Structures are given as structure tokens and as C-alpha cells.
C-alpha atoms as a PDB file:
ATOM      1  CA  UNK A   1      24.183 -12.999  23.011  1.00  0.00           C
ATOM      2  CA  UNK A   2      22.008 -11.868  20.153  1.00  0.00           C
ATOM      3  CA  UNK A   3      22.811 -13.146  16.725  1.00  0.00           C
ATOM      4  CA  UNK A   4      23.632  -9.672  15.352  1.00  0.00           C
ATOM      5  CA  UNK A   5      25.984  -8.959  18.279  1.00  0.00           C
ATOM      6  CA  UNK A   6      27.780 -12.280  17.738  1.00  0.00           C
ATOM      7  CA  UNK A   7      28.082 -11.570  14.031  1.00  0.00           C
ATOM      8  CA  UNK A   8      29.440  -8.085  14.700  1.00  0.00           C
ATOM      9  CA  UNK A   9      31.989  -9.476  17.197  1.00  0.00           C
ATOM     10  CA  UNK A  10      33.137 -12.128  14.729  1.00  0.00           C
ATOM     11  CA  UNK A  11      33.531  -9.479  12.020  1.00  0.00           C
ATOM     12  CA  UNK A  12      35.579  -7.254  14.338  1.00  0.00           C
ATOM     13  CA  UNK A  13      37.871 -10.163  15.295  1.00  0.00           C
ATOM     14  CA  UNK A  14      38.356 -11.159  11.657  1.00  0.00           C
ATOM     15  CA  UNK A  15      39.122  -7.566  10.668  1.00  0.00           C
ATOM     16  CA  UNK A  16      41.691  -7.239  13.465  1.00  0.00           C
ATOM     17  CA  UNK A  17      43.319 -10.554  12.539  1.00  0.00           C
ATOM     18  CA  UNK A  18      43.624  -9.582   8.882  1.00  0.00           C
ATOM     19  CA  UNK A  19      44.835  -6.038   9.559  1.00  0.00           C
ATOM     20  CA  UNK A  20      47.822  -7.038  11.693  1.00  0.00           C
ATOM     21  CA  UNK A  21      49.874  -8.903   9.045  1.00  0.00           C
ATOM     22  CA  UNK A  22      49.241  -6.214   6.427  1.00  0.00           C
ATOM     23  CA  UNK A  23      50.451  -3.404   8.636  1.00  0.00           C
ATOM     24  CA  UNK A  24      53.402  -5.517   9.766  1.00  0.00           C
ATOM     25  CA  UNK A  25      54.865  -6.127   6.309  1.00  0.00           C
ATOM     26  CA  UNK A  26      54.459  -2.674   4.709  1.00  0.00           C
ATOM     27  CA  UNK A  27      57.266  -0.769   6.332  1.00  0.00           C
ATOM     28  CA  UNK A  28      58.461   1.077   3.218  1.00  0.00           C
ATOM     29  CA  UNK A  29      59.606   4.011   5.366  1.00  0.00           C
ATOM     30  CA  UNK A  30      62.436   1.716   6.448  1.00  0.00           C
ATOM     31  CA  UNK A  31      63.924   2.156   2.969  1.00  0.00           C
ATOM     32  CA  UNK A  32      65.817   5.346   2.078  1.00  0.00           C
ATOM     33  CA  UNK A  33      64.334   6.755  -1.144  1.00  0.00           C
ATOM     34  CA  UNK A  34      66.844   9.633  -0.984  1.00  0.00           C
ATOM     35  CA  UNK A  35      69.712   7.210  -1.661  1.00  0.00           C
ATOM     36  CA  UNK A  36      68.710   5.089  -4.663  1.00  0.00           C
ATOM     37  CA  UNK A  37      71.152   2.441  -5.850  1.00  0.00           C
ATOM     38  CA  UNK A  38      71.782   0.642  -9.115  1.00  0.00           C
ATOM     39  CA  UNK A  39      73.147  -2.827  -8.517  1.00  0.00           C
ATOM     40  CA  UNK A  40      74.461  -5.275 -11.064  1.00  0.00           C
ATOM     41  CA  UNK A  41      75.183  -8.873 -10.294  1.00  0.00           C
ATOM     42  CA  UNK A  42      74.284 -12.519 -10.475  1.00  0.00           C
ATOM     43  CA  UNK A  43      71.273 -14.181  -8.880  1.00  0.00           C
ATOM     44  CA  UNK A  44      72.390 -16.678  -6.255  1.00  0.00           C
ATOM     45  CA  UNK A  45      68.880 -17.628  -5.131  1.00  0.00           C
ATOM     46  CA  UNK A  46      65.355 -16.414  -5.776  1.00  0.00           C
ATOM     47  CA  UNK A  47      61.860 -16.903  -4.449  1.00  0.00           C
ATOM     48  CA  UNK A  48      58.348 -16.188  -5.664  1.00  0.00           C
ATOM     49  CA  UNK A  49      57.119 -15.886  -2.098  1.00  0.00           C
ATOM     50  CA  UNK A  50      54.317 -13.985  -0.380  1.00  0.00           C
ATOM     51  CA  UNK A  51      53.989 -11.200   0.384  1.00  0.00           C
ATOM     52  CA  UNK A  52      57.011 -10.314  -1.810  1.00  0.00           C
ATOM     53  CA  UNK A  53      59.413 -12.174  -4.007  1.00  0.00           C
ATOM     54  CA  UNK A  54      63.150 -11.833  -3.518  1.00  0.00           C
ATOM     55  CA  UNK A  55      66.543 -12.477  -5.041  1.00  0.00           C
ATOM     56  CA  UNK A  56      69.877 -12.922  -3.355  1.00  0.00           C
ATOM     57  CA  UNK A  57      72.127 -10.899  -5.625  1.00  0.00           C
ATOM     58  CA  UNK A  58      75.893 -11.224  -5.664  1.00  0.00           C
ATOM     59  CA  UNK A  59      77.364  -7.896  -6.787  1.00  0.00           C
ATOM     60  CA  UNK A  60      81.071  -7.233  -7.263  1.00  0.00           C
ATOM     61  CA  UNK A  61      81.706  -6.800  -3.549  1.00  0.00           C
ATOM     62  CA  UNK A  62      78.598  -7.752  -1.617  1.00  0.00           C
ATOM     63  CA  UNK A  63      75.634 -10.133  -1.402  1.00  0.00           C
ATOM     64  CA  UNK A  64      72.284  -8.315  -1.325  1.00  0.00           C
ATOM     65  CA  UNK A  65      68.814  -9.438  -0.265  1.00  0.00           C
ATOM     66  CA  UNK A  66      66.618  -7.690  -2.851  1.00  0.00           C
ATOM     67  CA  UNK A  67      62.912  -7.401  -2.001  1.00  0.00           C
ATOM     68  CA  UNK A  68      60.744  -7.625  -5.129  1.00  0.00           C
ATOM     69  CA  UNK A  69      57.003  -7.146  -5.784  1.00  0.00           C
ATOM     70  CA  UNK A  70      54.304  -9.674  -4.926  1.00  0.00           C
ATOM     71  CA  UNK A  71      54.358 -12.661  -7.327  1.00  0.00           C
ATOM     72  CA  UNK A  72      50.980 -11.758  -8.865  1.00  0.00           C
ATOM     73  CA  UNK A  73      52.263  -8.310  -9.842  1.00  0.00           C
ATOM     74  CA  UNK A  74      55.506  -9.688 -11.280  1.00  0.00           C
ATOM     75  CA  UNK A  75      53.589 -12.232 -13.344  1.00  0.00           C
ATOM     76  CA  UNK A  76      51.144  -9.548 -14.484  1.00  0.00           C
ATOM     77  CA  UNK A  77      54.030  -7.438 -15.721  1.00  0.00           C
ATOM     78  CA  UNK A  78      55.723 -10.305 -17.502  1.00  0.00           C
ATOM     79  CA  UNK A  79      58.443 -11.221 -15.015  1.00  0.00           C
ATOM     80  CA  UNK A  80      58.115 -14.961 -14.736  1.00  0.00           C
ATOM     81  CA  UNK A  81      59.506 -17.144 -11.984  1.00  0.00           C
ATOM     82  CA  UNK A  82      61.672 -18.844 -14.602  1.00  0.00           C
ATOM     83  CA  UNK A  83      63.430 -15.540 -15.459  1.00  0.00           C
ATOM     84  CA  UNK A  84      64.819 -15.283 -11.926  1.00  0.00           C
ATOM     85  CA  UNK A  85      67.013 -18.366 -12.005  1.00  0.00           C
ATOM     86  CA  UNK A  86      70.302 -18.761 -10.182  1.00  0.00           C
ATOM     87  CA  UNK A  87      73.137 -17.624 -12.419  1.00  0.00           C
ATOM     88  CA  UNK A  88      71.102 -15.002 -14.302  1.00  0.00           C
ATOM     89  CA  UNK A  89      72.768 -11.600 -14.699  1.00  0.00           C
ATOM     90  CA  UNK A  90      70.500  -8.759 -13.552  1.00  0.00           C
ATOM     91  CA  UNK A  91      70.515  -5.090 -12.712  1.00  0.00           C
ATOM     92  CA  UNK A  92      68.276  -3.684 -10.008  1.00  0.00           C
ATOM     93  CA  UNK A  93      67.296  -0.111  -9.158  1.00  0.00           C
ATOM     94  CA  UNK A  94      65.937   0.499  -5.684  1.00  0.00           C
ATOM     95  CA  UNK A  95      66.262   1.859  -2.207  1.00  0.00           C
ATOM     96  CA  UNK A  96      68.537   0.545   0.537  1.00  0.00           C
ATOM     97  CA  UNK A  97      67.173  -0.433   3.924  1.00  0.00           C
ATOM     98  CA  UNK A  98      68.072   2.100   6.599  1.00  0.00           C
ATOM     99  CA  UNK A  99      69.349  -0.439   9.137  1.00  0.00           C
ATOM    100  CA  UNK A 100      69.844  -3.725   7.229  1.00  0.00           C
ATOM    101  CA  UNK A 101      72.925  -2.858   5.230  1.00  0.00           C
ATOM    102  CA  UNK A 102      72.520  -5.745   2.783  1.00  0.00           C
ATOM    103  CA  UNK A 103      68.853  -5.224   1.882  1.00  0.00           C
ATOM    104  CA  UNK A 104      67.361  -3.306  -1.039  1.00  0.00           C
ATOM    105  CA  UNK A 105      63.725  -2.707  -2.033  1.00  0.00           C
ATOM    106  CA  UNK A 106      63.611  -2.959  -5.819  1.00  0.00           C
ATOM    107  CA  UNK A 107      61.698  -0.476  -7.940  1.00  0.00           C
ATOM    108  CA  UNK A 108      62.721  -2.140 -11.210  1.00  0.00           C
ATOM    109  CA  UNK A 109      64.728  -5.112 -12.342  1.00  0.00           C
ATOM    110  CA  UNK A 110      66.351  -5.866 -15.685  1.00  0.00           C
ATOM    111  CA  UNK A 111      66.916  -9.477 -16.661  1.00  0.00           C
ATOM    112  CA  UNK A 112      68.654  -9.815 -20.022  1.00  0.00           C
ATOM    113  CA  UNK A 113      67.138  -7.085 -22.186  1.00  0.00           C
ATOM    114  CA  UNK A 114      63.787  -6.972 -20.366  1.00  0.00           C
ATOM    115  CA  UNK A 115      63.139  -4.321 -17.701  1.00  0.00           C
ATOM    116  CA  UNK A 116      60.189  -4.752 -15.349  1.00  0.00           C
ATOM    117  CA  UNK A 117      58.761  -1.957 -13.213  1.00  0.00           C
ATOM    118  CA  UNK A 118      57.860  -3.493  -9.869  1.00  0.00           C
ATOM    119  CA  UNK A 119      55.975  -0.668  -8.127  1.00  0.00           C
END
């Protein structure tokens, strides 16, 4: 195999390997933007995880898994990991998942008197 052919093959394999996870996690069409929700509640658990952070939010009648932005974006917009502690009171505006009835994709979150746009 010629060196340029080997290099081209390696590039194609790397591109395919990197493209799969990206396309797998961006399924925003699974969220119903026609039915936005405002939730208020208490953080039970949170995570600054890749590719997106999350909070488990206990509202008055239900526990929600709220999908947040990537940690780098949250930090860039001033939403620190320390703000999302268990016990914090928050409000979240976002879109419910079409089939997971306890999941919401957050567009913005308010912790205390600070609102952060996540998208």
C-alpha cells in the first residue's frame, strides 16, 4: 500500500469513528418544542458531564431528568458546577422528551436570581 493511500484510509477511519458519537447524541428532534414547560423544584443530583450536564429535579409532583448544555458552555455563561448543588431551588424552561416522560431539554435555568441561557 502506498503511503498516501494508507494515510487516506486512516483519515477516513478516524473521521467515521468521530462522526458516530456526535450524530448519536444530538437527537434534539426527540424533544417537543411545541410544548415548552416551566418547571420549578429542588435539585436532587447534578452532573457536569460530557456531552451535556444534567440535574435531577424534584418538582411538586414528579422527578425530572433535565438535560443541560455542555459544561464548557455553562462555565462560559457563568453557570458554575458549584451553583448546581443538591438542595438548590431552580426553575427550568425547556422542551419535554417525546417518549421519555420524565426528561426535559433545558433552554434556560434560573438558580437564585441568576438566569443562564443554555442554547
